[in-house]
Amino acid sequence: MLIVDDVKENRDILKALLAPLGFALREAENGREALRLFEEERPCAVLMDMRMPVMDGYEATKRIKASEEGSSVPVIAVTASAFEDDVQNVLKSGADICIRKPLSPEDVYEALGKLLGIRFLYADEPRTADTEQEPPPSMEALAALPEELIKAMRRAVEDGDIDELHTLVDRVREMNREVAEGLQKLVRQYDYAALSSLLSDGDRESGSS
């Protein structure tokens, strides 16, 4: 399976989701590199970021789908866009399905299931001492952070910019290690819905103080 994204953190997230399931993975940092690896490896599916330097995902997807070998290979477009017209443009490039950043495991597995006929079996994760500790940061603790920092983290979550989010959480760690650890745990669990809700509430709280 070929993972194409210019941001290493985004590729790492997909690797963390797919490698434990036994998929052989290759990585490309732009569309041009993706085309080269596609010719060499003949992957069973491509997860394609749309916005990249050198050659974007739109052009790379068009070229893959225009080739005889790539016409039947599923391309999963990965985009940060929240606008339906942009999603339609992505699909017009030849992508089979579109999933949005920030990525959730469920969205990735559902897309693969539809396109490759893979059936995933989910097991309940046993509770451990680690999962029972480190509750999410409190609203009061978040409200104590600079308002601009909270807004920047929320934008990073909404844009799917996980690299920037890690950088911002490191800034939080310099101010409040406990809050940073709570945020980092949500990032590791890919719980972006909880992060977005928490940061939105924290932004309102800090703005009203």
N, C-alpha and C. Protein backbone atom coordinates (compact mmCIF):
# COMPACT_ATOMS: atom_id res chain seq x y z
N MET A 1 0.85 -1.17 0.00
CA MET A 1 0.00 0.00 0.00
C MET A 1 0.89 1.24 0.00
N LEU A 2 0.54 2.22 -0.82
CA LEU A 2 1.37 3.41 -0.97
C LEU A 2 0.74 4.58 -0.22
N ILE A 3 1.53 5.20 0.68
CA ILE A 3 1.10 6.37 1.45
C ILE A 3 1.81 7.58 0.88
N VAL A 4 1.05 8.58 0.46
CA VAL A 4 1.63 9.77 -0.18
C VAL A 4 1.22 11.01 0.62
N ASP A 5 2.20 11.67 1.21
CA ASP A 5 1.95 12.90 1.98
C ASP A 5 3.28 13.59 2.21
N ASP A 6 3.32 14.90 2.07
CA ASP A 6 4.57 15.62 2.26
C ASP A 6 4.90 15.85 3.73
N VAL A 7 3.95 15.60 4.63
CA VAL A 7 4.17 15.79 6.07
C VAL A 7 4.44 14.43 6.72
N LYS A 8 5.61 14.29 7.33
CA LYS A 8 6.00 13.01 7.92
C LYS A 8 5.02 12.57 9.00
N GLU A 9 4.56 13.50 9.83
CA GLU A 9 3.64 13.15 10.91
C GLU A 9 2.38 12.49 10.36
N ASN A 10 1.87 13.00 9.23
CA ASN A 10 0.67 12.41 8.64
C ASN A 10 0.94 11.00 8.12
N ARG A 11 2.11 10.81 7.52
CA ARG A 11 2.46 9.45 7.06
C ARG A 11 2.61 8.52 8.26
N ASP A 12 3.18 9.02 9.33
CA ASP A 12 3.38 8.18 10.52
C ASP A 12 2.05 7.73 11.11
N ILE A 13 1.04 8.61 11.07
CA ILE A 13 -0.29 8.23 11.58
C ILE A 13 -0.85 7.06 10.77
N LEU A 14 -0.76 7.16 9.45
CA LEU A 14 -1.28 6.08 8.61
C LEU A 14 -0.48 4.79 8.80
N LYS A 15 0.84 4.92 8.95
CA LYS A 15 1.66 3.73 9.21
C LYS A 15 1.26 3.07 10.52
N ALA A 16 1.00 3.90 11.54
CA ALA A 16 0.61 3.35 12.84
C ALA A 16 -0.72 2.61 12.77
N LEU A 17 -1.60 3.04 11.86
CA LEU A 17 -2.89 2.39 11.70
C LEU A 17 -2.81 1.12 10.86
N LEU A 18 -1.92 1.11 9.88
CA LEU A 18 -1.92 0.03 8.89
C LEU A 18 -0.86 -1.03 9.10
N ALA A 19 0.32 -0.64 9.58
CA ALA A 19 1.40 -1.61 9.74
C ALA A 19 1.03 -2.76 10.69
N PRO A 20 0.37 -2.49 11.85
CA PRO A 20 0.02 -3.60 12.75
C PRO A 20 -0.94 -4.60 12.13
N LEU A 21 -1.63 -4.20 11.05
CA LEU A 21 -2.59 -5.10 10.40
C LEU A 21 -1.93 -5.99 9.35
N GLY A 22 -0.62 -5.79 9.14
CA GLY A 22 0.11 -6.65 8.22
C GLY A 22 0.30 -6.10 6.83
N PHE A 23 -0.11 -4.85 6.58
CA PHE A 23 0.08 -4.26 5.26
C PHE A 23 1.55 -3.93 5.04
N ALA A 24 2.06 -4.23 3.85
CA ALA A 24 3.38 -3.76 3.45
C ALA A 24 3.20 -2.33 2.94
N LEU A 25 4.00 -1.41 3.45
CA LEU A 25 3.79 0.01 3.18
C LEU A 25 5.00 0.64 2.52
N ARG A 26 4.73 1.52 1.55
CA ARG A 26 5.75 2.37 0.97
C ARG A 26 5.30 3.81 1.10
N GLU A 27 6.27 4.75 1.15
CA GLU A 27 5.94 6.15 1.37
C GLU A 27 6.50 7.03 0.26
N ALA A 28 5.74 8.09 -0.05
CA ALA A 28 6.20 9.10 -1.00
C ALA A 28 5.87 10.48 -0.44
N GLU A 29 6.75 11.45 -0.72
CA GLU A 29 6.59 12.79 -0.17
C GLU A 29 5.89 13.74 -1.14
N ASN A 30 5.70 13.33 -2.39
CA ASN A 30 5.00 14.18 -3.36
C ASN A 30 4.48 13.30 -4.49
N GLY A 31 3.70 13.93 -5.37
CA GLY A 31 3.09 13.17 -6.44
C GLY A 31 4.07 12.56 -7.41
N ARG A 32 5.14 13.27 -7.71
CA ARG A 32 6.13 12.74 -8.65
C ARG A 32 6.77 11.47 -8.10
N GLU A 33 7.13 11.50 -6.83
CA GLU A 33 7.72 10.31 -6.20
C GLU A 33 6.69 9.18 -6.14
N ALA A 34 5.42 9.55 -5.93
CA ALA A 34 4.36 8.55 -5.87
C ALA A 34 4.23 7.81 -7.19
N LEU A 35 4.33 8.54 -8.30
CA LEU A 35 4.24 7.91 -9.62
C LEU A 35 5.38 6.93 -9.84
N ARG A 36 6.58 7.32 -9.41
CA ARG A 36 7.74 6.43 -9.57
C ARG A 36 7.54 5.14 -8.76
N LEU A 37 7.12 5.30 -7.50
CA LEU A 37 6.93 4.13 -6.65
C LEU A 37 5.77 3.27 -7.14
N PHE A 38 4.75 3.93 -7.68
CA PHE A 38 3.63 3.16 -8.21
C PHE A 38 4.08 2.24 -9.34
N GLU A 39 4.92 2.76 -10.21
CA GLU A 39 5.43 1.96 -11.32
C GLU A 39 6.28 0.79 -10.81
N GLU A 40 7.06 1.04 -9.75
CA GLU A 40 7.97 0.01 -9.24
C GLU A 40 7.25 -1.05 -8.40
N GLU A 41 6.29 -0.60 -7.58
CA GLU A 41 5.72 -1.48 -6.55
C GLU A 41 4.36 -2.07 -6.90
N ARG A 42 3.59 -1.39 -7.77
CA ARG A 42 2.24 -1.84 -8.09
C ARG A 42 1.42 -2.09 -6.82
N PRO A 43 1.18 -1.06 -6.01
CA PRO A 43 0.45 -1.24 -4.76
C PRO A 43 -1.01 -1.63 -5.00
N CYS A 44 -1.62 -2.20 -3.98
CA CYS A 44 -3.03 -2.60 -4.09
C CYS A 44 -3.95 -1.41 -3.82
N ALA A 45 -3.42 -0.34 -3.21
CA ALA A 45 -4.21 0.86 -2.95
C ALA A 45 -3.25 2.02 -2.68
N VAL A 46 -3.74 3.24 -2.89
CA VAL A 46 -2.95 4.44 -2.65
C VAL A 46 -3.74 5.38 -1.75
N LEU A 47 -3.10 5.85 -0.69
CA LEU A 47 -3.68 6.90 0.15
C LEU A 47 -2.96 8.19 -0.22
N MET A 48 -3.69 9.11 -0.84
CA MET A 48 -3.09 10.25 -1.52
C MET A 48 -3.50 11.58 -0.89
N ASP A 49 -2.51 12.29 -0.33
CA ASP A 49 -2.74 13.66 0.10
C ASP A 49 -2.94 14.51 -1.15
N MET A 50 -3.79 15.53 -1.07
CA MET A 50 -4.09 16.33 -2.25
C MET A 50 -3.17 17.54 -2.40
N ARG A 51 -2.73 18.12 -1.30
CA ARG A 51 -1.92 19.33 -1.38
C ARG A 51 -0.47 19.00 -1.02
N MET A 52 0.39 19.00 -2.05
CA MET A 52 1.79 18.68 -1.86
C MET A 52 2.63 19.51 -2.82
N PRO A 53 3.90 19.74 -2.50
CA PRO A 53 4.79 20.42 -3.44
C PRO A 53 5.22 19.48 -4.57
N VAL A 54 5.93 20.03 -5.54
CA VAL A 54 6.48 19.31 -6.70
C VAL A 54 5.36 18.84 -7.64
N MET A 55 4.52 17.93 -7.17
CA MET A 55 3.31 17.53 -7.90
C MET A 55 2.23 17.21 -6.88
N ASP A 56 1.07 17.85 -7.02
CA ASP A 56 0.02 17.64 -6.03
C ASP A 56 -0.71 16.33 -6.27
N GLY A 57 -1.60 16.01 -5.33
CA GLY A 57 -2.32 14.76 -5.41
C GLY A 57 -3.33 14.69 -6.54
N TYR A 58 -3.85 15.85 -6.95
CA TYR A 58 -4.80 15.86 -8.06
C TYR A 58 -4.15 15.33 -9.34
N GLU A 59 -2.97 15.89 -9.67
CA GLU A 59 -2.28 15.49 -10.89
C GLU A 59 -1.79 14.05 -10.80
N ALA A 60 -1.25 13.68 -9.64
CA ALA A 60 -0.74 12.32 -9.48
C ALA A 60 -1.88 11.30 -9.62
N THR A 61 -3.03 11.62 -9.04
CA THR A 61 -4.17 10.71 -9.13
C THR A 61 -4.63 10.57 -10.58
N LYS A 62 -4.72 11.69 -11.30
CA LYS A 62 -5.12 11.65 -12.71
C LYS A 62 -4.19 10.75 -13.52
N ARG A 63 -2.88 10.88 -13.28
CA ARG A 63 -1.91 10.09 -14.05
C ARG A 63 -1.98 8.61 -13.70
N ILE A 64 -2.17 8.31 -12.43
CA ILE A 64 -2.30 6.90 -12.03
C ILE A 64 -3.53 6.29 -12.68
N LYS A 65 -4.66 6.99 -12.59
CA LYS A 65 -5.91 6.45 -13.12
C LYS A 65 -5.91 6.39 -14.64
N ALA A 66 -5.10 7.23 -15.30
CA ALA A 66 -5.03 7.21 -16.76
C ALA A 66 -4.19 6.06 -17.29
N SER A 67 -3.40 5.45 -16.42
CA SER A 67 -2.54 4.34 -16.85
C SER A 67 -3.32 3.04 -16.83
N GLU A 68 -2.90 2.12 -17.66
CA GLU A 68 -3.57 0.82 -17.72
C GLU A 68 -3.47 0.08 -16.40
N GLU A 69 -2.29 0.14 -15.77
CA GLU A 69 -2.07 -0.57 -14.52
C GLU A 69 -2.83 0.08 -13.35
N GLY A 70 -3.02 1.41 -13.42
CA GLY A 70 -3.61 2.11 -12.29
C GLY A 70 -5.10 2.34 -12.38
N SER A 71 -5.69 2.03 -13.51
CA SER A 71 -7.11 2.34 -13.69
C SER A 71 -8.01 1.63 -12.68
N SER A 72 -7.58 0.44 -12.24
CA SER A 72 -8.41 -0.33 -11.31
C SER A 72 -7.89 -0.30 -9.88
N VAL A 73 -6.81 0.46 -9.64
CA VAL A 73 -6.24 0.53 -8.29
C VAL A 73 -6.96 1.61 -7.49
N PRO A 74 -7.53 1.28 -6.33
CA PRO A 74 -8.24 2.28 -5.54
C PRO A 74 -7.30 3.39 -5.05
N VAL A 75 -7.76 4.62 -5.20
CA VAL A 75 -7.04 5.77 -4.66
C VAL A 75 -7.94 6.44 -3.62
N ILE A 76 -7.45 6.49 -2.41
CA ILE A 76 -8.17 7.14 -1.32
C ILE A 76 -7.58 8.53 -1.14
N ALA A 77 -8.35 9.55 -1.44
CA ALA A 77 -7.88 10.93 -1.31
C ALA A 77 -7.97 11.35 0.15
N VAL A 78 -6.92 11.99 0.63
CA VAL A 78 -6.88 12.50 1.99
C VAL A 78 -6.79 14.01 1.91
N THR A 79 -7.78 14.71 2.44
CA THR A 79 -7.84 16.15 2.31
C THR A 79 -8.25 16.81 3.62
N ALA A 80 -7.80 18.05 3.80
CA ALA A 80 -8.20 18.83 4.97
C ALA A 80 -9.41 19.69 4.66
N SER A 81 -9.90 19.65 3.43
CA SER A 81 -11.00 20.52 3.03
C SER A 81 -12.30 20.10 3.70
N ALA A 82 -13.07 21.10 4.12
CA ALA A 82 -14.38 20.83 4.71
C ALA A 82 -15.50 21.26 3.76
N PHE A 83 -15.13 21.66 2.53
CA PHE A 83 -16.12 22.17 1.59
C PHE A 83 -16.50 21.10 0.58
N GLU A 84 -17.80 20.94 0.37
CA GLU A 84 -18.29 19.86 -0.49
C GLU A 84 -17.83 20.03 -1.93
N ASP A 85 -17.72 21.31 -2.40
CA ASP A 85 -17.30 21.49 -3.79
C ASP A 85 -15.86 21.04 -3.98
N ASP A 86 -15.02 21.25 -2.95
CA ASP A 86 -13.64 20.79 -3.03
C ASP A 86 -13.58 19.27 -3.06
N VAL A 87 -14.46 18.64 -2.29
CA VAL A 87 -14.52 17.18 -2.29
C VAL A 87 -14.91 16.68 -3.68
N GLN A 88 -15.85 17.35 -4.33
CA GLN A 88 -16.25 16.95 -5.67
C GLN A 88 -15.09 17.08 -6.66
N ASN A 89 -14.27 18.14 -6.51
CA ASN A 89 -13.10 18.29 -7.37
C ASN A 89 -12.10 17.16 -7.15
N VAL A 90 -11.97 16.74 -5.90
CA VAL A 90 -11.08 15.62 -5.58
C VAL A 90 -11.55 14.37 -6.30
N LEU A 91 -12.84 14.10 -6.24
CA LEU A 91 -13.37 12.89 -6.88
C LEU A 91 -13.28 12.98 -8.40
N LYS A 92 -13.38 14.19 -8.95
CA LYS A 92 -13.25 14.36 -10.39
C LYS A 92 -11.83 14.04 -10.87
N SER A 93 -10.85 14.15 -9.97
CA SER A 93 -9.47 13.83 -10.36
C SER A 93 -9.28 12.34 -10.57
N GLY A 94 -10.26 11.55 -10.12
CA GLY A 94 -10.18 10.11 -10.30
C GLY A 94 -10.14 9.32 -9.00
N ALA A 95 -10.06 10.03 -7.87
CA ALA A 95 -10.04 9.34 -6.58
C ALA A 95 -11.33 8.56 -6.37
N ASP A 96 -11.25 7.41 -5.73
CA ASP A 96 -12.42 6.57 -5.53
C ASP A 96 -13.24 6.99 -4.32
N ILE A 97 -12.56 7.55 -3.34
CA ILE A 97 -13.25 7.96 -2.12
C ILE A 97 -12.40 9.04 -1.45
N CYS A 98 -13.04 9.87 -0.64
CA CYS A 98 -12.34 10.98 0.00
C CYS A 98 -12.54 10.90 1.51
N ILE A 99 -11.45 10.94 2.26
CA ILE A 99 -11.54 11.03 3.72
C ILE A 99 -10.82 12.30 4.15
N ARG A 100 -11.26 12.86 5.26
CA ARG A 100 -10.77 14.18 5.66
C ARG A 100 -9.87 14.10 6.87
N LYS A 101 -8.91 15.00 6.89
CA LYS A 101 -8.08 15.19 8.07
C LYS A 101 -8.85 16.04 9.07
N PRO A 102 -8.57 15.87 10.38
CA PRO A 102 -7.67 14.87 10.95
C PRO A 102 -8.25 13.46 10.82
N LEU A 103 -7.39 12.53 10.46
CA LEU A 103 -7.82 11.16 10.18
C LEU A 103 -8.26 10.44 11.45
N SER A 104 -9.29 9.65 11.31
CA SER A 104 -9.69 8.75 12.39
C SER A 104 -9.51 7.32 11.91
N PRO A 105 -9.17 6.40 12.79
CA PRO A 105 -9.02 5.00 12.38
C PRO A 105 -10.26 4.46 11.69
N GLU A 106 -11.44 4.84 12.19
CA GLU A 106 -12.68 4.33 11.63
C GLU A 106 -12.84 4.73 10.17
N ASP A 107 -12.51 6.00 9.85
CA ASP A 107 -12.65 6.46 8.46
C ASP A 107 -11.70 5.70 7.53
N VAL A 108 -10.46 5.50 7.99
CA VAL A 108 -9.47 4.81 7.17
C VAL A 108 -9.91 3.37 6.93
N TYR A 109 -10.30 2.68 7.99
CA TYR A 109 -10.68 1.27 7.85
C TYR A 109 -11.96 1.12 7.02
N GLU A 110 -12.90 2.05 7.20
CA GLU A 110 -14.14 1.97 6.43
C GLU A 110 -13.86 2.14 4.94
N ALA A 111 -12.98 3.09 4.58
CA ALA A 111 -12.63 3.31 3.18
C ALA A 111 -11.96 2.07 2.59
N LEU A 112 -11.02 1.48 3.32
CA LEU A 112 -10.35 0.28 2.84
C LEU A 112 -11.32 -0.89 2.71
N GLY A 113 -12.23 -0.97 3.65
CA GLY A 113 -13.22 -2.04 3.59
C GLY A 113 -14.09 -1.95 2.35
N LYS A 114 -14.52 -0.72 2.01
CA LYS A 114 -15.37 -0.53 0.84
C LYS A 114 -14.63 -0.82 -0.45
N LEU A 115 -13.38 -0.36 -0.54
CA LEU A 115 -12.66 -0.42 -1.80
C LEU A 115 -11.92 -1.75 -2.03
N LEU A 116 -11.49 -2.39 -0.94
CA LEU A 116 -10.72 -3.62 -1.09
C LEU A 116 -11.47 -4.86 -0.62
N GLY A 117 -12.67 -4.66 -0.08
CA GLY A 117 -13.43 -5.80 0.40
C GLY A 117 -12.86 -6.40 1.66
N ILE A 118 -12.10 -5.59 2.41
CA ILE A 118 -11.50 -6.08 3.66
C ILE A 118 -12.52 -5.96 4.78
N ARG A 119 -12.55 -6.98 5.61
CA ARG A 119 -13.46 -6.96 6.76
C ARG A 119 -12.64 -6.91 8.04
N PHE A 120 -12.84 -5.84 8.80
CA PHE A 120 -12.08 -5.66 10.04
C PHE A 120 -12.91 -6.13 11.22
N LEU A 121 -12.25 -6.85 12.12
CA LEU A 121 -12.89 -7.29 13.36
C LEU A 121 -12.31 -6.48 14.51
N TYR A 122 -13.18 -5.86 15.28
CA TYR A 122 -12.75 -4.99 16.36
C TYR A 122 -12.90 -5.72 17.69
N ALA A 123 -11.88 -5.60 18.52
CA ALA A 123 -11.91 -6.19 19.86
C ALA A 123 -11.89 -5.07 20.88
N ASP A 124 -12.62 -5.26 21.97
CA ASP A 124 -12.60 -4.27 23.03
C ASP A 124 -11.22 -4.21 23.64
N GLU A 125 -10.71 -3.00 23.82
CA GLU A 125 -9.38 -2.84 24.41
C GLU A 125 -9.48 -2.95 25.92
N PRO A 126 -8.72 -3.85 26.53
CA PRO A 126 -8.80 -3.99 27.98
C PRO A 126 -8.31 -2.74 28.67
N ARG A 127 -8.96 -2.42 29.79
CA ARG A 127 -8.55 -1.25 30.56
C ARG A 127 -7.27 -1.58 31.33
N THR A 128 -6.35 -0.66 31.30
CA THR A 128 -5.10 -0.82 32.02
C THR A 128 -4.91 0.37 32.93
N ALA A 129 -3.88 0.28 33.75
CA ALA A 129 -3.60 1.41 34.64
C ALA A 129 -3.34 2.67 33.84
N ASP A 130 -2.72 2.52 32.67
CA ASP A 130 -2.40 3.68 31.85
C ASP A 130 -3.66 4.34 31.30
N THR A 131 -4.65 3.51 30.86
CA THR A 131 -5.85 4.09 30.29
C THR A 131 -6.75 4.69 31.36
N GLU A 132 -6.59 4.25 32.61
CA GLU A 132 -7.42 4.78 33.67
C GLU A 132 -6.85 6.07 34.23
N GLN A 133 -5.61 6.39 33.90
CA GLN A 133 -4.99 7.59 34.40
C GLN A 133 -5.02 8.68 33.33
N GLU A 134 -4.43 9.81 33.65
CA GLU A 134 -4.31 10.93 32.72
C GLU A 134 -5.65 11.32 32.13
N PRO A 135 -6.59 11.84 32.96
CA PRO A 135 -7.85 12.33 32.42
C PRO A 135 -7.60 13.53 31.52
N PRO A 136 -8.56 13.86 30.64
CA PRO A 136 -8.39 15.03 29.78
C PRO A 136 -8.16 16.28 30.62
N PRO A 137 -7.48 17.28 30.08
CA PRO A 137 -7.23 18.52 30.83
C PRO A 137 -8.54 19.17 31.23
N SER A 138 -8.55 19.79 32.39
CA SER A 138 -9.74 20.48 32.85
C SER A 138 -9.91 21.79 32.10
N MET A 139 -11.15 22.29 32.07
CA MET A 139 -11.42 23.55 31.39
C MET A 139 -10.66 24.69 32.06
N GLU A 140 -10.54 24.63 33.38
CA GLU A 140 -9.84 25.69 34.10
C GLU A 140 -8.37 25.73 33.71
N ALA A 141 -7.75 24.54 33.59
CA ALA A 141 -6.34 24.49 33.22
C ALA A 141 -6.12 24.99 31.79
N LEU A 142 -7.03 24.60 30.88
CA LEU A 142 -6.91 25.06 29.50
C LEU A 142 -7.11 26.57 29.41
N ALA A 143 -8.07 27.08 30.18
CA ALA A 143 -8.37 28.51 30.13
C ALA A 143 -7.19 29.36 30.59
N ALA A 144 -6.29 28.75 31.36
CA ALA A 144 -5.12 29.49 31.85
C ALA A 144 -4.07 29.67 30.76
N LEU A 145 -4.20 28.92 29.65
CA LEU A 145 -3.24 29.05 28.55
C LEU A 145 -3.55 30.30 27.74
N PRO A 146 -2.56 30.84 27.04
CA PRO A 146 -2.81 32.01 26.18
C PRO A 146 -3.89 31.71 25.15
N GLU A 147 -4.79 32.65 24.95
CA GLU A 147 -5.91 32.45 24.03
C GLU A 147 -5.44 32.13 22.62
N GLU A 148 -4.38 32.81 22.17
CA GLU A 148 -3.89 32.57 20.82
C GLU A 148 -3.34 31.15 20.64
N LEU A 149 -2.76 30.61 21.71
CA LEU A 149 -2.24 29.25 21.66
C LEU A 149 -3.38 28.24 21.53
N ILE A 150 -4.46 28.46 22.29
CA ILE A 150 -5.62 27.58 22.19
C ILE A 150 -6.22 27.63 20.79
N LYS A 151 -6.34 28.85 20.24
CA LYS A 151 -6.89 29.00 18.89
C LYS A 151 -6.00 28.32 17.85
N ALA A 152 -4.69 28.44 18.02
CA ALA A 152 -3.75 27.83 17.08
C ALA A 152 -3.87 26.31 17.11
N MET A 153 -4.03 25.74 18.30
CA MET A 153 -4.20 24.28 18.40
C MET A 153 -5.50 23.85 17.76
N ARG A 154 -6.56 24.63 17.97
CA ARG A 154 -7.84 24.26 17.36
C ARG A 154 -7.75 24.31 15.83
N ARG A 155 -7.07 25.32 15.29
CA ARG A 155 -6.90 25.41 13.84
C ARG A 155 -6.10 24.22 13.31
N ALA A 156 -5.06 23.82 14.06
CA ALA A 156 -4.24 22.69 13.63
C ALA A 156 -5.07 21.41 13.58
N VAL A 157 -5.96 21.22 14.56
CA VAL A 157 -6.83 20.04 14.56
C VAL A 157 -7.79 20.10 13.38
N GLU A 158 -8.41 21.26 13.15
CA GLU A 158 -9.38 21.41 12.07
C GLU A 158 -8.73 21.23 10.69
N ASP A 159 -7.46 21.67 10.57
CA ASP A 159 -6.74 21.57 9.29
C ASP A 159 -6.06 20.22 9.11
N GLY A 160 -6.07 19.41 10.17
CA GLY A 160 -5.38 18.12 10.08
C GLY A 160 -3.87 18.26 10.07
N ASP A 161 -3.36 19.38 10.60
CA ASP A 161 -1.91 19.62 10.60
C ASP A 161 -1.32 19.06 11.89
N ILE A 162 -1.07 17.77 11.90
CA ILE A 162 -0.63 17.09 13.11
C ILE A 162 0.79 17.50 13.49
N ASP A 163 1.62 17.81 12.51
CA ASP A 163 2.97 18.28 12.79
C ASP A 163 2.92 19.58 13.59
N GLU A 164 2.08 20.51 13.15
CA GLU A 164 1.92 21.78 13.87
C GLU A 164 1.32 21.56 15.25
N LEU A 165 0.39 20.62 15.36
CA LEU A 165 -0.24 20.33 16.65
C LEU A 165 0.79 19.83 17.66
N HIS A 166 1.70 18.95 17.22
CA HIS A 166 2.75 18.47 18.12
C HIS A 166 3.63 19.63 18.57
N THR A 167 3.95 20.54 17.66
CA THR A 167 4.77 21.71 18.01
C THR A 167 4.07 22.57 19.05
N LEU A 168 2.77 22.78 18.88
CA LEU A 168 2.01 23.61 19.82
C LEU A 168 1.88 22.94 21.18
N VAL A 169 1.69 21.62 21.19
CA VAL A 169 1.61 20.90 22.47
C VAL A 169 2.94 20.99 23.21
N ASP A 170 4.05 20.99 22.47
CA ASP A 170 5.36 21.19 23.11
C ASP A 170 5.44 22.56 23.77
N ARG A 171 4.81 23.57 23.18
CA ARG A 171 4.78 24.89 23.79
C ARG A 171 3.94 24.86 25.07
N VAL A 172 2.85 24.11 25.04
CA VAL A 172 2.01 23.96 26.23
C VAL A 172 2.81 23.31 27.35
N ARG A 173 3.65 22.32 26.99
CA ARG A 173 4.44 21.60 27.99
C ARG A 173 5.36 22.54 28.76
N GLU A 174 5.81 23.59 28.12
CA GLU A 174 6.67 24.56 28.81
C GLU A 174 5.91 25.35 29.85
N MET A 175 4.58 25.42 29.71
CA MET A 175 3.75 26.18 30.65
C MET A 175 3.07 25.28 31.68
N ASN A 176 2.59 24.11 31.20
CA ASN A 176 1.86 23.21 32.10
C ASN A 176 2.03 21.79 31.58
N ARG A 177 2.91 21.04 32.23
CA ARG A 177 3.22 19.69 31.77
C ARG A 177 2.01 18.76 31.84
N GLU A 178 1.19 18.89 32.87
CA GLU A 178 0.03 18.02 33.05
C GLU A 178 -0.97 18.21 31.90
N VAL A 179 -1.24 19.48 31.54
CA VAL A 179 -2.16 19.76 30.45
C VAL A 179 -1.60 19.21 29.14
N ALA A 180 -0.30 19.40 28.91
CA ALA A 180 0.32 18.91 27.68
C ALA A 180 0.22 17.40 27.57
N GLU A 181 0.43 16.68 28.67
CA GLU A 181 0.34 15.22 28.64
C GLU A 181 -1.08 14.77 28.32
N GLY A 182 -2.08 15.49 28.87
CA GLY A 182 -3.47 15.15 28.58
C GLY A 182 -3.81 15.37 27.12
N LEU A 183 -3.33 16.47 26.55
CA LEU A 183 -3.56 16.74 25.13
C LEU A 183 -2.83 15.72 24.25
N GLN A 184 -1.59 15.40 24.62
CA GLN A 184 -0.80 14.45 23.85
C GLN A 184 -1.44 13.07 23.83
N LYS A 185 -2.06 12.69 24.94
CA LYS A 185 -2.72 11.39 25.00
C LYS A 185 -3.88 11.33 24.00
N LEU A 186 -4.65 12.42 23.89
CA LEU A 186 -5.75 12.46 22.92
C LEU A 186 -5.22 12.39 21.49
N VAL A 187 -4.06 13.03 21.25
CA VAL A 187 -3.45 12.96 19.92
C VAL A 187 -3.04 11.53 19.62
N ARG A 188 -2.42 10.85 20.59
CA ARG A 188 -1.98 9.46 20.37
C ARG A 188 -3.15 8.53 20.12
N GLN A 189 -4.30 8.85 20.71
CA GLN A 189 -5.50 8.02 20.54
C GLN A 189 -6.30 8.41 19.30
N TYR A 190 -5.80 9.41 18.53
CA TYR A 190 -6.49 9.91 17.34
C TYR A 190 -7.90 10.40 17.68
N ASP A 191 -8.08 10.89 18.92
CA ASP A 191 -9.40 11.36 19.34
C ASP A 191 -9.53 12.85 19.02
N TYR A 192 -9.60 13.15 17.72
CA TYR A 192 -9.61 14.55 17.30
C TYR A 192 -10.95 15.22 17.60
N ALA A 193 -12.02 14.44 17.66
CA ALA A 193 -13.31 15.01 18.02
C ALA A 193 -13.26 15.56 19.44
N ALA A 194 -12.67 14.79 20.36
CA ALA A 194 -12.55 15.25 21.74
C ALA A 194 -11.63 16.46 21.82
N LEU A 195 -10.53 16.44 21.06
CA LEU A 195 -9.61 17.57 21.04
C LEU A 195 -10.31 18.84 20.54
N SER A 196 -11.04 18.71 19.44
CA SER A 196 -11.72 19.87 18.88
C SER A 196 -12.73 20.44 19.85
N SER A 197 -13.51 19.56 20.48
CA SER A 197 -14.51 20.01 21.45
C SER A 197 -13.85 20.67 22.65
N LEU A 198 -12.80 20.05 23.15
CA LEU A 198 -12.10 20.57 24.32
C LEU A 198 -11.49 21.94 24.04
N LEU A 199 -10.85 22.07 22.88
CA LEU A 199 -10.19 23.33 22.55
C LEU A 199 -11.20 24.42 22.23
N SER A 200 -12.34 24.05 21.65
CA SER A 200 -13.38 25.03 21.38
C SER A 200 -13.95 25.56 22.69
N ASP A 201 -14.21 24.64 23.63
CA ASP A 201 -14.71 25.05 24.94
C ASP A 201 -13.68 25.88 25.68
N GLY A 202 -12.41 25.45 25.57
CA GLY A 202 -11.34 26.19 26.24
C GLY A 202 -11.18 27.59 25.68
N ASP A 203 -11.40 27.72 24.36
CA ASP A 203 -11.29 29.03 23.73
C ASP A 203 -12.40 29.94 24.23
N ARG A 204 -13.63 29.42 24.33
CA ARG A 204 -14.73 30.22 24.84
C ARG A 204 -14.51 30.61 26.28
N GLU A 205 -13.97 29.67 27.07
CA GLU A 205 -13.73 29.92 28.49
C GLU A 205 -12.69 31.03 28.67
N SER A 206 -11.60 30.94 27.88
CA SER A 206 -10.54 31.94 28.02
C SER A 206 -11.02 33.29 27.51
N GLY A 207 -11.89 33.26 26.48
CA GLY A 207 -12.37 34.52 25.95
C GLY A 207 -13.33 35.23 26.88
N SER A 208 -13.99 34.45 27.77
CA SER A 208 -14.96 35.06 28.68
C SER A 208 -14.32 35.48 29.99
N SER A 209 -13.05 35.09 30.20
CA SER A 209 -12.42 35.41 31.47
C SER A 209 -11.90 36.82 31.48
